[in-house]
């Protein structure tokens, strides 16, 4: 999903926030978790993931710290902030409303 044209704008941000609501992760682990949780339907490129992570960090929705990864290399781990959790709750509610409306329109009569 390098430029996720098949997703509503902002969806990647919500998916990242949801993934990080479970535990802090580094970028490659976030991409892997998204792929696994979507049954291999969502593949996020580095060119989409890292700019989104940096933007969410600048907005105060994520915090980041460098620490050793499982492989022993240093990696930047991202975690949800309280503001990020509030934003995720709002986006989840909005997504439910929007997806319900789209389903109503696409539902065969």
N, C-alpha and C. Protein backbone atom coordinates (compact mmCIF):
# COMPACT_ATOMS: atom_id res chain seq x y z
N UNK A 1 0.86 -1.17 0.00
CA UNK A 1 0.00 0.00 0.00
C UNK A 1 0.90 1.22 0.00
N UNK A 2 1.63 1.44 -1.05
CA UNK A 2 2.58 2.54 -1.07
C UNK A 2 1.88 3.89 -1.03
N UNK A 3 0.94 4.13 -1.88
CA UNK A 3 0.07 5.30 -1.78
C UNK A 3 -1.33 4.71 -1.76
N UNK A 4 -1.89 4.51 -0.56
CA UNK A 4 -3.12 3.72 -0.44
C UNK A 4 -4.32 4.38 -1.10
N UNK A 5 -4.36 4.31 -2.43
CA UNK A 5 -5.46 4.94 -3.16
C UNK A 5 -6.77 4.21 -2.92
N UNK A 6 -6.68 2.95 -2.49
CA UNK A 6 -7.91 2.20 -2.27
C UNK A 6 -8.45 2.37 -0.85
N UNK A 7 -7.83 3.21 -0.07
CA UNK A 7 -8.30 3.49 1.29
C UNK A 7 -8.64 4.96 1.45
N UNK A 8 -9.58 5.24 2.30
CA UNK A 8 -9.94 6.61 2.60
C UNK A 8 -8.73 7.30 3.22
N UNK A 9 -8.48 8.55 2.83
CA UNK A 9 -7.34 9.27 3.36
C UNK A 9 -7.41 9.32 4.89
N UNK A 10 -6.29 9.08 5.53
CA UNK A 10 -6.25 9.06 6.98
C UNK A 10 -6.39 7.68 7.58
N UNK A 11 -6.76 6.71 6.76
CA UNK A 11 -6.95 5.35 7.26
C UNK A 11 -5.65 4.75 7.77
N UNK A 12 -4.54 4.99 7.07
CA UNK A 12 -3.26 4.46 7.51
C UNK A 12 -2.93 4.97 8.90
N UNK A 13 -3.18 6.24 9.16
CA UNK A 13 -2.94 6.80 10.50
C UNK A 13 -3.73 6.03 11.56
N UNK A 14 -4.99 5.79 11.28
CA UNK A 14 -5.84 5.07 12.24
C UNK A 14 -5.34 3.64 12.44
N UNK A 15 -4.90 3.00 11.37
CA UNK A 15 -4.39 1.63 11.48
C UNK A 15 -3.11 1.59 12.31
N UNK A 16 -2.26 2.57 12.12
CA UNK A 16 -1.03 2.66 12.92
C UNK A 16 -1.37 2.88 14.39
N UNK A 17 -2.27 3.82 14.66
CA UNK A 17 -2.65 4.10 16.05
C UNK A 17 -3.25 2.86 16.70
N UNK A 18 -4.09 2.15 15.98
CA UNK A 18 -4.71 0.94 16.54
C UNK A 18 -3.65 -0.12 16.83
N UNK A 19 -2.73 -0.29 15.91
CA UNK A 19 -1.67 -1.28 16.11
C UNK A 19 -0.83 -0.93 17.33
N UNK A 20 -0.52 0.34 17.51
CA UNK A 20 0.30 0.75 18.65
C UNK A 20 -0.48 0.85 19.95
N UNK A 21 -1.80 0.73 19.88
CA UNK A 21 -2.59 0.72 21.12
C UNK A 21 -2.37 -0.59 21.88
N UNK A 22 -1.86 -1.60 21.20
CA UNK A 22 -1.61 -2.89 21.83
C UNK A 22 -0.28 -2.94 22.56
N UNK A 23 0.76 -2.36 21.92
CA UNK A 23 2.10 -2.33 22.52
C UNK A 23 3.01 -1.46 21.66
N UNK A 24 4.07 -0.92 22.25
CA UNK A 24 5.05 -0.16 21.45
C UNK A 24 5.75 -1.10 20.46
N UNK A 25 5.98 -0.61 19.24
CA UNK A 25 6.64 -1.39 18.20
C UNK A 25 7.53 -0.49 17.36
N UNK A 26 8.50 -1.08 16.68
CA UNK A 26 9.31 -0.34 15.72
C UNK A 26 8.63 -0.45 14.35
N UNK A 27 9.09 0.35 13.41
CA UNK A 27 8.43 0.45 12.11
C UNK A 27 8.21 -0.86 11.38
N UNK A 28 9.25 -1.68 11.26
CA UNK A 28 9.08 -2.94 10.53
C UNK A 28 8.09 -3.86 11.24
N UNK A 29 8.07 -3.83 12.55
CA UNK A 29 7.10 -4.65 13.30
C UNK A 29 5.68 -4.13 13.10
N UNK A 30 5.52 -2.83 12.98
CA UNK A 30 4.20 -2.25 12.71
C UNK A 30 3.70 -2.75 11.35
N UNK A 31 4.56 -2.66 10.34
CA UNK A 31 4.19 -3.12 9.00
C UNK A 31 3.83 -4.61 9.02
N UNK A 32 4.60 -5.40 9.72
CA UNK A 32 4.33 -6.83 9.82
C UNK A 32 3.03 -7.12 10.53
N UNK A 33 2.76 -6.39 11.60
CA UNK A 33 1.51 -6.59 12.34
C UNK A 33 0.31 -6.22 11.48
N UNK A 34 0.40 -5.11 10.75
CA UNK A 34 -0.71 -4.72 9.86
C UNK A 34 -0.96 -5.78 8.79
N UNK A 35 0.12 -6.30 8.23
CA UNK A 35 -0.02 -7.35 7.20
C UNK A 35 -0.66 -8.59 7.80
N UNK A 36 -0.20 -9.01 8.97
CA UNK A 36 -0.73 -10.22 9.61
C UNK A 36 -2.19 -10.04 10.02
N UNK A 37 -2.52 -8.90 10.61
CA UNK A 37 -3.89 -8.69 11.07
C UNK A 37 -4.88 -8.53 9.93
N UNK A 38 -4.38 -8.20 8.74
CA UNK A 38 -5.28 -8.02 7.59
C UNK A 38 -5.28 -9.24 6.68
N UNK A 39 -4.80 -10.38 7.18
CA UNK A 39 -4.70 -11.59 6.35
C UNK A 39 -3.93 -11.31 5.06
N UNK A 40 -2.83 -10.60 5.18
CA UNK A 40 -1.93 -10.27 4.08
C UNK A 40 -2.55 -9.38 3.00
N UNK A 41 -3.61 -8.66 3.33
CA UNK A 41 -4.24 -7.75 2.37
C UNK A 41 -3.57 -6.38 2.35
N UNK A 42 -3.03 -5.95 3.50
CA UNK A 42 -2.43 -4.62 3.60
C UNK A 42 -0.92 -4.75 3.73
N UNK A 43 -0.23 -4.24 2.75
CA UNK A 43 1.23 -4.22 2.76
C UNK A 43 1.66 -2.76 2.69
N UNK A 44 2.20 -2.27 3.78
CA UNK A 44 2.56 -0.85 3.86
C UNK A 44 4.04 -0.68 3.52
N UNK A 45 4.33 0.14 2.55
CA UNK A 45 5.72 0.39 2.16
C UNK A 45 6.37 1.34 3.16
N UNK A 46 7.68 1.29 3.21
CA UNK A 46 8.44 2.21 4.07
C UNK A 46 8.14 3.65 3.68
N UNK A 47 7.95 3.89 2.37
CA UNK A 47 7.70 5.24 1.88
C UNK A 47 6.38 5.82 2.35
N UNK A 48 5.46 4.97 2.78
CA UNK A 48 4.19 5.44 3.35
C UNK A 48 4.22 5.39 4.87
N UNK A 49 4.83 4.34 5.41
CA UNK A 49 4.80 4.12 6.86
C UNK A 49 5.59 5.17 7.63
N UNK A 50 6.84 5.38 7.26
CA UNK A 50 7.69 6.27 8.07
C UNK A 50 7.25 7.73 8.04
N UNK A 51 6.83 8.26 6.89
CA UNK A 51 6.29 9.63 6.93
C UNK A 51 5.04 9.73 7.82
N UNK A 52 4.20 8.70 7.80
CA UNK A 52 3.00 8.70 8.65
C UNK A 52 3.41 8.66 10.13
N UNK A 53 4.38 7.83 10.47
CA UNK A 53 4.85 7.76 11.86
C UNK A 53 5.42 9.09 12.32
N UNK A 54 6.24 9.72 11.48
CA UNK A 54 6.83 11.00 11.84
C UNK A 54 5.77 12.08 12.00
N UNK A 55 4.77 12.07 11.12
CA UNK A 55 3.68 13.04 11.23
C UNK A 55 2.91 12.84 12.53
N UNK A 56 2.57 11.60 12.86
CA UNK A 56 1.83 11.32 14.09
C UNK A 56 2.65 11.69 15.32
N UNK A 57 3.96 11.52 15.24
CA UNK A 57 4.83 11.93 16.36
C UNK A 57 4.83 13.45 16.49
N UNK A 58 4.96 14.16 15.38
CA UNK A 58 4.92 15.64 15.41
C UNK A 58 3.60 16.16 15.97
N UNK A 59 2.52 15.45 15.68
CA UNK A 59 1.20 15.86 16.16
C UNK A 59 0.98 15.51 17.64
N UNK A 60 1.92 14.81 18.25
CA UNK A 60 1.80 14.44 19.65
C UNK A 60 0.93 13.22 19.90
N UNK A 61 0.62 12.48 18.85
CA UNK A 61 -0.22 11.28 18.99
C UNK A 61 0.62 10.04 19.29
N UNK A 62 1.92 10.13 18.97
CA UNK A 62 2.87 9.06 19.27
C UNK A 62 4.08 9.67 19.95
N UNK A 63 4.76 8.85 20.75
CA UNK A 63 6.08 9.21 21.26
C UNK A 63 7.01 8.11 20.80
N UNK A 64 8.29 8.43 20.70
CA UNK A 64 9.25 7.46 20.19
C UNK A 64 10.51 7.47 21.04
N UNK A 65 11.14 6.31 21.11
CA UNK A 65 12.43 6.20 21.78
C UNK A 65 13.27 5.13 21.09
N UNK A 66 14.57 5.36 21.06
CA UNK A 66 15.49 4.39 20.50
C UNK A 66 15.82 3.36 21.57
N UNK A 67 15.78 2.07 21.17
CA UNK A 67 16.17 0.99 22.07
C UNK A 67 16.50 -0.25 21.25
N UNK A 68 17.14 -1.23 21.87
CA UNK A 68 17.52 -2.43 21.11
C UNK A 68 16.29 -3.23 20.69
N UNK A 69 16.34 -3.75 19.48
CA UNK A 69 15.26 -4.62 18.99
C UNK A 69 15.60 -6.06 19.35
N UNK A 70 14.74 -6.98 18.97
CA UNK A 70 14.97 -8.41 19.24
C UNK A 70 16.26 -8.90 18.58
N UNK A 71 16.63 -8.28 17.46
CA UNK A 71 17.86 -8.67 16.76
C UNK A 71 19.10 -8.06 17.38
N UNK A 72 18.91 -7.18 18.36
CA UNK A 72 20.04 -6.52 19.02
C UNK A 72 20.41 -5.19 18.40
N UNK A 73 19.85 -4.86 17.25
CA UNK A 73 20.11 -3.57 16.62
C UNK A 73 19.22 -2.52 17.24
N UNK A 74 19.68 -1.28 17.22
CA UNK A 74 18.85 -0.19 17.73
C UNK A 74 17.71 0.11 16.76
N UNK A 75 16.54 0.34 17.32
CA UNK A 75 15.37 0.65 16.50
C UNK A 75 14.55 1.70 17.23
N UNK A 76 13.84 2.49 16.47
CA UNK A 76 12.98 3.52 17.05
C UNK A 76 11.62 2.89 17.33
N UNK A 77 11.27 2.81 18.60
CA UNK A 77 9.99 2.23 19.02
C UNK A 77 8.97 3.35 19.21
N UNK A 78 7.80 3.13 18.69
CA UNK A 78 6.72 4.11 18.78
C UNK A 78 5.66 3.60 19.75
N UNK A 79 5.09 4.53 20.51
CA UNK A 79 4.03 4.20 21.47
C UNK A 79 2.95 5.27 21.40
N UNK A 80 1.74 4.87 21.69
CA UNK A 80 0.60 5.77 21.70
C UNK A 80 0.67 6.70 22.91
N UNK A 81 0.37 7.97 22.72
CA UNK A 81 0.24 8.91 23.83
C UNK A 81 -1.23 8.95 24.26
N UNK A 82 -1.52 9.64 25.34
CA UNK A 82 -2.92 9.80 25.75
C UNK A 82 -3.72 10.52 24.67
N UNK A 83 -3.11 11.53 24.07
CA UNK A 83 -3.77 12.24 22.97
C UNK A 83 -4.01 11.30 21.79
N UNK A 84 -3.06 10.40 21.55
CA UNK A 84 -3.21 9.42 20.48
C UNK A 84 -4.35 8.46 20.75
N UNK A 85 -4.50 8.05 22.00
CA UNK A 85 -5.61 7.15 22.37
C UNK A 85 -6.95 7.86 22.18
N UNK A 86 -7.02 9.12 22.55
CA UNK A 86 -8.27 9.88 22.34
C UNK A 86 -8.57 10.02 20.85
N UNK A 87 -7.53 10.32 20.08
CA UNK A 87 -7.71 10.47 18.63
C UNK A 87 -8.15 9.14 18.00
N UNK A 88 -7.57 8.05 18.45
CA UNK A 88 -7.95 6.73 17.95
C UNK A 88 -9.42 6.44 18.25
N UNK A 89 -9.87 6.75 19.45
CA UNK A 89 -11.28 6.52 19.80
C UNK A 89 -12.20 7.32 18.88
N UNK A 90 -11.84 8.57 18.63
CA UNK A 90 -12.63 9.43 17.75
C UNK A 90 -12.64 8.88 16.32
N UNK A 91 -11.46 8.50 15.81
CA UNK A 91 -11.36 7.97 14.45
C UNK A 91 -12.09 6.64 14.30
N UNK A 92 -12.04 5.81 15.33
CA UNK A 92 -12.74 4.52 15.28
C UNK A 92 -14.25 4.74 15.18
N UNK A 93 -14.74 5.67 15.96
CA UNK A 93 -16.18 5.99 15.91
C UNK A 93 -16.56 6.55 14.54
N UNK A 94 -15.72 7.42 14.00
CA UNK A 94 -15.98 8.01 12.68
C UNK A 94 -15.92 6.94 11.58
N UNK A 95 -14.95 6.02 11.69
CA UNK A 95 -14.83 4.94 10.71
C UNK A 95 -16.08 4.05 10.74
N UNK A 96 -16.58 3.74 11.92
CA UNK A 96 -17.78 2.91 12.04
C UNK A 96 -18.97 3.59 11.37
N UNK A 97 -19.09 4.90 11.58
CA UNK A 97 -20.18 5.66 10.96
C UNK A 97 -20.04 5.66 9.44
N UNK A 98 -18.84 5.94 8.96
CA UNK A 98 -18.60 6.02 7.52
C UNK A 98 -18.78 4.66 6.85
N UNK A 99 -18.21 3.60 7.44
CA UNK A 99 -18.31 2.28 6.81
C UNK A 99 -19.75 1.78 6.80
N UNK A 100 -20.52 2.13 7.82
CA UNK A 100 -21.94 1.77 7.83
C UNK A 100 -22.67 2.46 6.69
N UNK A 101 -22.38 3.75 6.50
CA UNK A 101 -23.04 4.51 5.43
C UNK A 101 -22.68 3.94 4.06
N UNK A 102 -21.41 3.63 3.84
CA UNK A 102 -20.99 3.06 2.56
C UNK A 102 -21.64 1.70 2.35
N UNK A 103 -21.70 0.89 3.39
CA UNK A 103 -22.34 -0.43 3.29
C UNK A 103 -23.81 -0.30 2.91
N UNK A 104 -24.48 0.69 3.46
CA UNK A 104 -25.89 0.90 3.13
C UNK A 104 -26.07 1.22 1.65
N UNK A 105 -25.16 2.03 1.11
CA UNK A 105 -25.26 2.40 -0.30
C UNK A 105 -24.93 1.22 -1.20
N UNK A 106 -23.92 0.43 -0.83
CA UNK A 106 -23.48 -0.69 -1.67
C UNK A 106 -24.33 -1.94 -1.50
N UNK A 107 -25.12 -2.00 -0.46
CA UNK A 107 -25.95 -3.18 -0.17
C UNK A 107 -26.98 -3.38 -1.28
N UNK A 108 -27.01 -4.60 -1.82
CA UNK A 108 -28.02 -4.86 -2.85
C UNK A 108 -29.43 -4.79 -2.26
N UNK A 109 -30.34 -4.28 -3.05
CA UNK A 109 -31.73 -4.15 -2.56
C UNK A 109 -32.57 -5.35 -2.98
